[in-house]
Protein backbone atom coordinates (compact mmCIF):
# COMPACT_ATOMS: atom_id res chain seq x y z
CA MET A 1 11.97 5.37 18.42
CA ALA A 2 10.90 7.66 15.57
CA THR A 3 8.02 6.61 13.35
CA ARG A 4 9.30 5.27 10.05
CA LEU A 5 8.36 7.35 7.01
CA GLY A 6 7.57 6.08 3.53
CA LEU A 7 6.90 7.88 0.24
CA GLY A 8 4.48 7.05 -2.57
CA LEU A 9 6.19 6.57 -5.94
CA PRO A 10 5.02 8.63 -8.97
CA GLN A 11 2.49 6.45 -10.83
CA ASN A 12 0.03 9.09 -12.03
CA ARG A 13 -0.19 10.30 -15.60
CA GLN A 14 1.70 13.61 -15.20
CA TYR A 15 4.94 11.66 -14.65
CA ASP A 16 7.39 10.11 -17.11
CA LEU A 17 7.60 6.63 -15.57
CA GLY A 18 10.87 5.44 -17.04
CA ARG A 19 12.67 8.61 -15.97
CA ASP A 20 10.75 9.81 -12.91
CA VAL A 21 10.26 6.59 -10.92
CA PRO A 22 14.02 5.83 -10.67
CA ASP A 23 14.78 9.52 -10.06
CA VAL A 24 12.25 9.89 -7.22
CA ALA A 25 13.23 6.51 -5.73
CA ARG A 26 16.93 7.41 -5.58
CA THR A 27 16.16 10.87 -4.19
CA ALA A 28 13.78 9.52 -1.51
CA GLU A 29 16.41 7.05 -0.32
CA ARG A 30 18.98 9.83 -0.17
CA ILE A 31 16.59 12.13 1.76
CA GLY A 32 16.16 9.41 4.37
CA TYR A 33 12.77 7.82 3.67
CA ASP A 34 12.53 4.26 4.98
CA SER A 35 10.27 2.83 2.28
CA LEU A 36 8.72 3.40 -1.15
CA TRP A 37 5.14 2.48 -2.00
CA VAL A 38 2.77 1.86 -4.90
CA TYR A 39 -0.99 1.58 -5.18
CA GLU A 40 -3.26 -0.08 -7.73
CA ARG A 41 -5.97 1.44 -9.91
CA ALA A 42 -6.51 -0.81 -12.92
CA LEU A 43 -8.74 1.48 -14.99
CA PHE A 44 -10.89 4.62 -15.03
CA PRO A 45 -14.47 3.98 -16.24
CA GLU A 46 -15.76 6.60 -18.67
CA PRO A 47 -18.39 7.63 -17.79
CA ALA A 48 -17.94 6.55 -14.17
CA GLY A 49 -21.28 4.94 -13.37
CA GLN A 50 -20.20 3.55 -10.02
CA GLY A 51 -19.13 6.13 -7.43
CA LEU A 52 -15.74 6.21 -5.74
CA TYR A 53 -15.50 3.54 -2.99
CA ASP A 54 -18.92 2.34 -4.25
CA ILE A 55 -20.53 5.51 -2.82
CA PRO A 56 -23.23 6.69 -5.28
CA GLY A 57 -22.50 10.09 -6.81
CA LEU A 58 -18.96 10.40 -5.38
CA PRO A 59 -16.72 11.17 -8.40
CA TRP A 60 -13.48 9.34 -9.12
CA PRO A 61 -10.50 11.72 -8.79
CA ASP A 62 -8.89 12.73 -12.05
CA SER A 63 -5.56 11.40 -10.74
CA TYR A 64 -6.92 7.85 -11.20
CA ARG A 65 -6.75 8.22 -14.99
CA GLY A 66 -3.82 6.15 -16.20
CA VAL A 67 -2.19 4.82 -12.99
CA ALA A 68 0.94 2.78 -13.77
CA GLU A 69 1.00 -0.94 -12.96
CA PRO A 70 2.27 -1.29 -9.38
CA LEU A 71 4.77 -4.16 -9.59
CA VAL A 72 6.43 -2.73 -12.71
CA THR A 73 6.74 0.58 -10.84
CA LEU A 74 8.26 -1.12 -7.77
CA THR A 75 10.72 -2.99 -9.98
CA LEU A 76 11.95 0.28 -11.49
CA ALA A 77 12.52 1.59 -7.94
CA ALA A 78 14.17 -1.63 -6.73
CA ALA A 79 16.78 -1.47 -9.48
CA VAL A 80 18.17 1.90 -8.37
CA THR A 81 17.93 1.63 -4.54
CA GLU A 82 19.73 -0.41 -1.89
CA ARG A 83 18.15 0.25 1.50
CA VAL A 84 14.49 1.30 1.30
CA LEU A 85 11.70 -1.23 1.70
CA LEU A 86 9.36 -1.68 -1.29
CA GLY A 87 5.67 -1.90 -0.43
CA SER A 88 2.20 -1.97 -1.95
CA SER A 89 -0.67 -0.13 -0.33
CA VAL A 90 -2.48 -1.80 -1.81
CA LEU A 91 -2.51 -4.40 -4.54
CA VAL A 92 -6.13 -5.27 -5.29
CA ALA A 93 -5.27 -8.92 -4.84
CA PRO A 94 -8.35 -10.60 -6.41
CA LEU A 95 -7.55 -8.91 -9.75
CA HIS A 96 -4.45 -11.16 -9.94
CA LEU A 97 -3.97 -14.87 -10.48
CA PRO A 98 -2.63 -16.09 -7.11
CA PHE A 99 0.24 -18.22 -8.42
CA GLN A 100 1.58 -15.57 -10.81
CA LEU A 101 1.36 -12.83 -8.17
CA ALA A 102 3.14 -14.98 -5.57
CA LYS A 103 5.92 -15.76 -8.02
CA ALA A 104 6.30 -12.11 -9.11
CA LEU A 105 6.58 -10.91 -5.50
CA ALA A 106 9.08 -13.66 -4.66
CA THR A 107 11.21 -12.71 -7.66
CA LEU A 108 11.16 -9.02 -6.72
CA ASP A 109 12.10 -9.84 -3.12
CA ALA A 110 14.98 -12.07 -4.24
CA ALA A 111 16.22 -9.42 -6.67
CA SER A 112 16.01 -6.59 -4.12
CA GLY A 113 17.69 -8.47 -1.28
CA GLY A 114 14.60 -9.01 0.87
CA ARG A 115 12.90 -5.60 0.76
CA VAL A 116 9.30 -6.36 -0.32
CA LEU A 117 6.19 -5.69 1.79
CA ALA A 118 3.11 -7.29 0.21
CA GLY A 119 0.08 -5.14 0.97
CA PHE A 120 -3.23 -6.59 -0.22
CA GLY A 121 -6.82 -5.37 -0.31
CA THR A 122 -10.06 -6.55 -1.92
CA GLY A 123 -10.88 -3.31 -3.75
CA TRP A 124 -14.31 -1.86 -4.45
CA SER A 125 -14.56 -1.23 -8.22
CA HIS A 126 -17.00 -3.49 -10.07
CA ASP A 127 -15.51 -2.22 -13.36
CA GLU A 128 -12.04 -3.44 -12.39
CA TYR A 129 -13.41 -6.86 -11.46
CA ALA A 130 -15.30 -7.09 -14.75
CA ALA A 131 -12.09 -6.30 -16.65
CA SER A 132 -9.55 -8.41 -14.79
CA GLY A 133 -11.03 -10.18 -11.77
CA VAL A 134 -10.11 -13.84 -11.36
CA ARG A 135 -13.53 -14.49 -9.82
CA PRO A 136 -16.72 -12.38 -9.48
CA PHE A 137 -16.74 -9.34 -7.19
CA GLU A 138 -18.94 -11.18 -4.68
CA GLU A 139 -16.18 -13.78 -4.12
CA ARG A 140 -13.38 -11.30 -3.47
CA GLY A 141 -12.88 -12.30 0.18
CA GLN A 142 -12.55 -15.98 -0.73
CA VAL A 143 -10.05 -15.13 -3.47
CA LEU A 144 -7.93 -13.11 -1.02
CA ASP A 145 -8.00 -16.01 1.46
CA GLU A 146 -6.70 -18.42 -1.16
CA LEU A 147 -4.17 -15.92 -2.49
CA ILE A 148 -2.60 -15.63 0.97
CA GLU A 149 -2.42 -19.44 1.20
CA VAL A 150 -0.83 -19.69 -2.26
CA CYS A 151 1.76 -17.02 -1.39
CA ARG A 152 2.75 -18.82 1.82
CA ALA A 153 3.06 -22.10 -0.10
CA VAL A 154 5.02 -20.71 -3.07
CA TRP A 155 7.36 -18.75 -0.80
CA GLY A 156 7.92 -21.77 1.44
CA PRO A 157 10.02 -24.90 1.01
CA ASP A 158 9.85 -27.18 -2.03
CA PRO A 159 8.06 -29.25 -3.07
CA VAL A 160 5.16 -26.78 -3.14
CA VAL A 161 1.70 -28.33 -2.78
CA HIS A 162 -1.63 -26.48 -2.84
CA GLU A 163 -5.16 -27.63 -3.56
CA GLY A 164 -7.61 -24.75 -3.89
CA ARG A 165 -10.53 -23.51 -5.97
CA ILE A 166 -8.34 -21.35 -8.21
CA THR A 167 -4.85 -22.82 -7.86
CA ARG A 168 -3.82 -26.48 -7.84
CA ILE A 169 -0.16 -27.38 -7.40
CA SER A 170 0.22 -31.14 -6.98
CA SER A 171 3.94 -31.10 -6.17
CA ALA A 172 6.48 -28.76 -7.72
CA VAL A 173 9.73 -26.90 -7.30
CA VAL A 174 8.91 -23.16 -7.52
CA GLY A 175 11.67 -20.58 -7.53
CA PRO A 176 13.23 -18.21 -6.97
CA LYS A 177 12.35 -18.09 -3.31
CA PRO A 178 12.12 -14.71 -1.53
CA ALA A 179 15.22 -13.63 0.36
CA ARG A 180 13.20 -13.85 3.59
CA PRO A 181 9.55 -14.47 4.49
CA ILE A 182 7.68 -11.59 2.82
CA PRO A 183 5.38 -9.79 5.31
CA ILE A 184 1.74 -9.76 4.20
CA LEU A 185 -0.19 -6.65 5.24
CA LEU A 186 -3.93 -6.17 4.76
CA ALA A 187 -6.22 -3.15 4.41
CA ALA A 188 -8.86 -4.41 6.82
CA SER A 189 -11.69 -2.36 8.31
CA GLY A 190 -14.71 -4.68 8.61
CA ARG A 191 -14.93 -7.38 11.27
CA ARG A 192 -14.45 -10.30 8.89
CA ALA A 193 -11.44 -8.61 7.27
CA GLN A 194 -9.97 -7.89 10.71
CA ARG A 195 -10.27 -11.58 11.64
CA ARG A 196 -8.47 -12.53 8.41
CA LEU A 197 -5.68 -10.12 9.33
CA VAL A 198 -5.33 -11.33 12.91
CA ASP A 199 -5.33 -15.01 11.91
CA HIS A 200 -3.38 -15.00 8.63
CA ALA A 201 -1.42 -11.77 8.03
CA ASP A 202 1.53 -9.87 9.45
CA GLY A 203 0.29 -6.31 9.40
CA TRP A 204 -2.38 -3.66 8.88
CA LEU A 205 -2.64 -0.92 6.24
CA PRO A 206 -5.16 1.71 7.38
CA VAL A 207 -5.85 4.92 5.43
CA GLY A 208 -5.50 8.27 7.21
CA MET A 209 -9.09 9.43 7.77
CA GLY A 210 -8.48 11.22 11.07
CA VAL A 211 -6.80 10.47 14.39
CA GLU A 212 -9.92 9.44 16.32
CA ARG A 213 -11.07 6.97 13.68
CA ILE A 214 -7.64 5.34 13.21
CA GLY A 215 -7.07 5.21 16.95
CA ALA A 216 -10.41 3.47 17.52
CA GLN A 217 -9.76 0.94 14.72
CA TRP A 218 -6.29 0.20 16.06
CA ALA A 219 -7.65 -0.42 19.57
CA GLU A 220 -10.36 -2.67 18.11
CA LEU A 221 -7.79 -4.67 16.15
CA ARG A 222 -5.54 -5.15 19.17
CA ASP A 223 -8.53 -6.30 21.26
CA LEU A 224 -9.45 -8.82 18.57
CA ALA A 225 -5.86 -10.09 18.42
CA ALA A 226 -5.86 -10.63 22.20
CA GLU A 227 -9.26 -12.32 22.03
CA ARG A 228 -8.05 -14.73 19.33
CA GLY A 229 -4.78 -15.47 21.12
CA ARG A 230 -2.41 -13.88 18.63
CA LYS A 231 1.13 -13.66 20.02
CA GLU A 232 2.96 -11.93 17.14
CA PRO A 233 2.86 -8.12 16.99
CA ILE A 234 0.83 -6.53 14.19
CA ARG A 235 2.98 -4.38 11.91
CA THR A 236 1.24 -1.09 11.06
CA VAL A 237 1.68 1.25 8.09
CA LEU A 238 -0.71 4.18 7.83
CA ARG A 239 -1.38 5.41 4.27
CA VAL A 240 -1.73 9.18 3.96
CA ASN A 241 -3.10 10.62 0.70
CA ALA A 242 -1.83 14.16 1.09
CA VAL A 243 -3.20 17.12 -0.86
CA HIS A 244 -0.30 19.56 -0.81
CA SER A 245 -0.51 23.26 -1.60
CA ALA A 246 2.21 25.90 -1.57
CA LYS A 247 0.17 28.13 0.74
CA PRO A 248 -1.58 27.11 3.98
CA TYR A 249 -5.18 25.97 3.72
CA GLU A 250 -7.28 28.67 5.39
CA GLY A 251 -10.81 28.57 6.68
CA ASP A 252 -13.02 25.73 7.86
CA GLY A 253 -13.30 22.30 6.31
CA ARG A 254 -9.62 21.37 6.05
CA ARG A 255 -9.32 17.60 5.72
CA PRO A 256 -6.46 15.66 7.35
CA PHE A 257 -3.21 16.05 5.39
CA GLN A 258 -4.52 18.91 3.28
CA GLY A 259 -2.52 22.14 3.03
CA ASP A 260 1.10 23.23 3.03
CA ALA A 261 4.03 21.21 4.39
CA ASP A 262 3.60 22.60 7.91
CA GLN A 263 -0.08 21.57 8.03
CA ILE A 264 0.71 18.11 6.66
CA VAL A 265 3.44 17.68 9.28
CA GLU A 266 1.08 18.89 12.01
CA ASP A 267 -1.25 16.02 11.06
CA LEU A 268 1.68 13.58 10.87
CA VAL A 269 2.62 14.47 14.45
CA ARG A 270 -0.92 13.79 15.70
CA HIS A 271 -1.16 10.47 13.85
CA ALA A 272 2.31 9.36 15.00
CA GLU A 273 1.10 9.69 18.59
CA ILE A 274 -1.29 6.74 18.02
CA GLY A 275 1.78 4.51 18.11
CA LEU A 276 1.81 3.13 14.55
CA ASP A 277 5.11 1.77 13.20
CA GLU A 278 5.20 3.67 9.94
CA ILE A 279 3.41 6.38 7.95
CA LEU A 280 3.40 6.31 4.16
CA VAL A 281 2.98 9.82 2.73
CA ASP A 282 1.70 9.85 -0.85
CA LEU A 283 2.28 13.35 -2.23
CA GLN A 284 2.07 12.60 -5.96
CA SER A 285 -1.42 13.85 -6.81
CA THR A 286 -0.79 17.61 -6.74
CA PRO A 287 2.80 18.25 -8.00
CA ARG A 288 3.13 19.19 -11.66
CA ASP A 289 6.24 17.07 -12.19
CA ALA A 290 8.89 14.94 -10.50
CA GLN A 291 11.06 17.91 -9.48
CA GLU A 292 8.18 19.45 -7.53
CA LEU A 293 7.38 16.05 -5.98
CA LYS A 294 11.00 15.66 -4.82
CA ASP A 295 11.06 19.19 -3.38
CA VAL A 296 7.82 18.67 -1.43
CA ALA A 297 8.94 15.22 -0.24
CA ALA A 298 12.21 16.68 1.09
CA GLU A 299 10.43 19.54 2.87
CA VAL A 300 7.85 17.25 4.49
CA PHE A 301 10.51 14.75 5.60
CA GLU A 302 12.82 17.38 7.12
CA LYS A 303 10.00 19.17 8.94
CA ALA A 304 8.52 15.89 10.18
CA ARG A 305 11.84 14.77 11.65
CA ALA A 306 12.37 18.21 13.19
CA ALA A 307 8.92 17.89 14.80
CA GLY A 308 9.86 14.54 16.33
CA VAL A 309 8.09 12.19 13.93
């Protein structure tokens, strides 16, 4: 079975959201993509005191200036598509009130006919937590734990009951319900996060940092699942932040998914061999506009399928 392919929706500031998100979503579905995805970047600190991924001195990419809100973006795509799944890779879950996020996702799933994939992570930006975090940065893991519990409760049968640190629902009817149980996927790399995934989530959202690293993490996760007695399969969606160029990248130092369409597809082939269910290709950072994004997305998809992905 071929690896499913997803496409990142245009959220960055060079795009006209009201026009380009529906346009790219419709085109991606027509091309044959299986899913459409959003990511979350709440703000861009100026000056950026904290480095990217909390690594001192590592600059934030300019593309992070003015990233559109993810659920609004997904809703625009949902309204003009019929088949593609609608995923987040990832929502920085502890920036959201659990009850409101659970209800928003349920509403989007009901409206789209059961197409939502809820991808959560804990994030790394202290500035984002200071601006919108429900609890302090140091409590982000606990907030994610409760958010998963609240989602399961809100999406489940009425009356909904939940007693937590952030959310207390004594007994209530909460609707609309999702069209089907919404899969929860987590971006988990550390041991504690992997245990949370194995015990409480449906899938894994790694980022494409190279075949060897992803392969080792995937083996580690499967070993942990066996150790903890998990019976359900772990759904896997690899996120690829591609840096596309019209001409091939030449010389040493090429990073995975950097270069022209052929080089990106070459990397897709190698990553598909790990045996992951799906690869999300986010191509939006380098195109000048939506037309260029659609053209690159079509070329990558056609060449990937021709190469057996």
